[in-house]
Amino acid sequence: MEQQASAGSDRRILERIGEMVEAERDLRAALTEGRIDPESERQRLRELEEELDQCWDLLRQRRARVEAGDDPDLAAVRSVEEVERYES
């Protein structure tokens, strides 16, 4: 039962990632169509990329906890600064 709940949480994280990827596409289209200016697109893309990085980090944490036999629900969203530091 716990594994099913965990899979549901992972699925919600993946759904959110999909939504953000779609938002990125929409932003790029809006720029191409002249509906937003380049600075607005860059700002929003940066925000989306940071949130995407946090989602991927959370998903990796959850999967690592499952592999280690720990509760994946103890994984927590880390700050943008912490996630970005790990990626460099």
C-alpha atoms as a PDB file:
ATOM      1  CA  MET A   1       0.000   0.000   0.000  1.00  0.00           C
ATOM      2  CA  GLU A   2       2.806   2.451   0.921  1.00  0.00           C
ATOM      3  CA  GLN A   3       4.521   1.771  -2.410  1.00  0.00           C
ATOM      4  CA  GLN A   4       1.305   2.719  -4.250  1.00  0.00           C
ATOM      5  CA  ALA A   5       1.121   6.030  -2.374  1.00  0.00           C
ATOM      6  CA  SER A   6       4.748   6.667  -3.229  1.00  0.00           C
ATOM      7  CA  ALA A   7       4.102   5.921  -6.903  1.00  0.00           C
ATOM      8  CA  GLY A   8       1.212   8.392  -6.804  1.00  0.00           C
ATOM      9  CA  SER A   9       3.469  11.106  -5.402  1.00  0.00           C
ATOM     10  CA  ASP A  10       6.086  10.385  -8.055  1.00  0.00           C
ATOM     11  CA  ARG A  11       3.386  10.563 -10.712  1.00  0.00           C
ATOM     12  CA  ARG A  12       2.254  13.981  -9.420  1.00  0.00           C
ATOM     13  CA  ILE A  13       5.847  15.242  -9.561  1.00  0.00           C
ATOM     14  CA  LEU A  14       6.190  13.954 -13.120  1.00  0.00           C
ATOM     15  CA  GLU A  15       2.877  15.575 -14.084  1.00  0.00           C
ATOM     16  CA  ARG A  16       4.142  18.903 -12.708  1.00  0.00           C
ATOM     17  CA  ILE A  17       7.352  18.499 -14.713  1.00  0.00           C
ATOM     18  CA  GLY A  18       5.238  17.926 -17.832  1.00  0.00           C
ATOM     19  CA  GLU A  19       3.236  21.070 -17.110  1.00  0.00           C
ATOM     20  CA  MET A  20       6.409  23.132 -16.783  1.00  0.00           C
ATOM     21  CA  VAL A  21       7.861  21.725 -20.013  1.00  0.00           C
ATOM     22  CA  GLU A  22       4.621  22.728 -21.755  1.00  0.00           C
ATOM     23  CA  ALA A  23       4.859  26.203 -20.192  1.00  0.00           C
ATOM     24  CA  GLU A  24       8.394  26.508 -21.615  1.00  0.00           C
ATOM     25  CA  ARG A  25       7.080  25.671 -25.076  1.00  0.00           C
ATOM     26  CA  ASP A  26       4.284  28.213 -24.696  1.00  0.00           C
ATOM     27  CA  LEU A  27       6.769  30.900 -23.653  1.00  0.00           C
ATOM     28  CA  ARG A  28       8.984  30.250 -26.656  1.00  0.00           C
ATOM     29  CA  ALA A  29       5.948  30.389 -28.946  1.00  0.00           C
ATOM     30  CA  ALA A  30       4.783  33.630 -27.320  1.00  0.00           C
ATOM     31  CA  LEU A  31       8.191  35.188 -27.961  1.00  0.00           C
ATOM     32  CA  THR A  32       8.216  34.014 -31.579  1.00  0.00           C
ATOM     33  CA  GLU A  33       4.714  35.413 -32.072  1.00  0.00           C
ATOM     34  CA  GLY A  34       5.648  38.724 -30.430  1.00  0.00           C
ATOM     35  CA  ARG A  35       3.218  38.326 -27.524  1.00  0.00           C
ATOM     36  CA  ILE A  36       5.995  38.805 -24.944  1.00  0.00           C
ATOM     37  CA  ASP A  37       9.335  40.565 -24.950  1.00  0.00           C
ATOM     38  CA  PRO A  38      12.667  38.709 -24.726  1.00  0.00           C
ATOM     39  CA  GLU A  39      13.387  39.868 -21.166  1.00  0.00           C
ATOM     40  CA  SER A  40      10.033  38.585 -19.904  1.00  0.00           C
ATOM     41  CA  GLU A  41      10.660  35.266 -21.635  1.00  0.00           C
ATOM     42  CA  ARG A  42      14.153  34.954 -20.111  1.00  0.00           C
ATOM     43  CA  GLN A  43      12.870  35.790 -16.622  1.00  0.00           C
ATOM     44  CA  ARG A  44      10.016  33.276 -16.757  1.00  0.00           C
ATOM     45  CA  LEU A  45      12.238  30.593 -18.351  1.00  0.00           C
ATOM     46  CA  ARG A  46      14.768  31.006 -15.553  1.00  0.00           C
ATOM     47  CA  GLU A  47      11.999  30.578 -12.964  1.00  0.00           C
ATOM     48  CA  LEU A  48      10.683  27.480 -14.739  1.00  0.00           C
ATOM     49  CA  GLU A  49      14.161  25.970 -15.039  1.00  0.00           C
ATOM     50  CA  GLU A  50      14.782  26.479 -11.321  1.00  0.00           C
ATOM     51  CA  GLU A  51      11.471  24.857 -10.408  1.00  0.00           C
ATOM     52  CA  LEU A  52      12.161  22.006 -12.848  1.00  0.00           C
ATOM     53  CA  ASP A  53      15.540  21.422 -11.218  1.00  0.00           C
ATOM     54  CA  GLN A  54      13.850  21.274  -7.812  1.00  0.00           C
ATOM     55  CA  CYS A  55      11.275  18.761  -9.079  1.00  0.00           C
ATOM     56  CA  TRP A  56      13.928  16.518 -10.632  1.00  0.00           C
ATOM     57  CA  ASP A  57      15.972  16.729  -7.426  1.00  0.00           C
ATOM     58  CA  LEU A  58      12.948  15.756  -5.329  1.00  0.00           C
ATOM     59  CA  LEU A  59      12.201  12.837  -7.629  1.00  0.00           C
ATOM     60  CA  ARG A  60      15.839  11.647  -7.394  1.00  0.00           C
ATOM     61  CA  GLN A  61      15.704  11.941  -3.594  1.00  0.00           C
ATOM     62  CA  ARG A  62      12.496   9.913  -3.459  1.00  0.00           C
ATOM     63  CA  ARG A  63      13.879   7.191  -5.719  1.00  0.00           C
ATOM     64  CA  ALA A  64      17.116   7.014  -3.729  1.00  0.00           C
ATOM     65  CA  ARG A  65      15.130   6.592  -0.518  1.00  0.00           C
ATOM     66  CA  VAL A  66      13.096   3.756  -2.049  1.00  0.00           C
ATOM     67  CA  GLU A  67      16.282   2.010  -3.193  1.00  0.00           C
ATOM     68  CA  ALA A  68      17.738   2.377   0.310  1.00  0.00           C
ATOM     69  CA  GLY A  69      14.568   0.983   1.894  1.00  0.00           C
ATOM     70  CA  ASP A  70      13.614   4.348   3.403  1.00  0.00           C
ATOM     71  CA  ASP A  71      10.329   6.244   3.269  1.00  0.00           C
ATOM     72  CA  PRO A  72      10.277   8.357   0.076  1.00  0.00           C
ATOM     73  CA  ASP A  73       7.797  10.735   1.702  1.00  0.00           C
ATOM     74  CA  LEU A  74      10.610  11.977   3.942  1.00  0.00           C
ATOM     75  CA  ALA A  75      12.261  13.563   0.892  1.00  0.00           C
ATOM     76  CA  ALA A  76      11.897  17.346   0.866  1.00  0.00           C
ATOM     77  CA  VAL A  77      12.078  20.099  -1.703  1.00  0.00           C
ATOM     78  CA  ARG A  78      15.453  21.782  -1.426  1.00  0.00           C
ATOM     79  CA  SER A  79      16.098  25.465  -2.037  1.00  0.00           C
ATOM     80  CA  VAL A  80      17.022  26.630  -5.522  1.00  0.00           C
ATOM     81  CA  GLU A  81      20.458  27.606  -4.235  1.00  0.00           C
ATOM     82  CA  GLU A  82      21.099  24.136  -2.829  1.00  0.00           C
ATOM     83  CA  VAL A  83      19.875  22.331  -5.960  1.00  0.00           C
ATOM     84  CA  GLU A  84      21.832  24.583  -8.292  1.00  0.00           C
ATOM     85  CA  ARG A  85      25.004  24.097  -6.235  1.00  0.00           C
ATOM     86  CA  TYR A  86      24.714  20.328  -6.700  1.00  0.00           C
ATOM     87  CA  GLU A  87      24.400  20.708 -10.465  1.00  0.00           C
ATOM     88  CA  SER A  88      27.581  22.720 -10.906  1.00  0.00           C
END
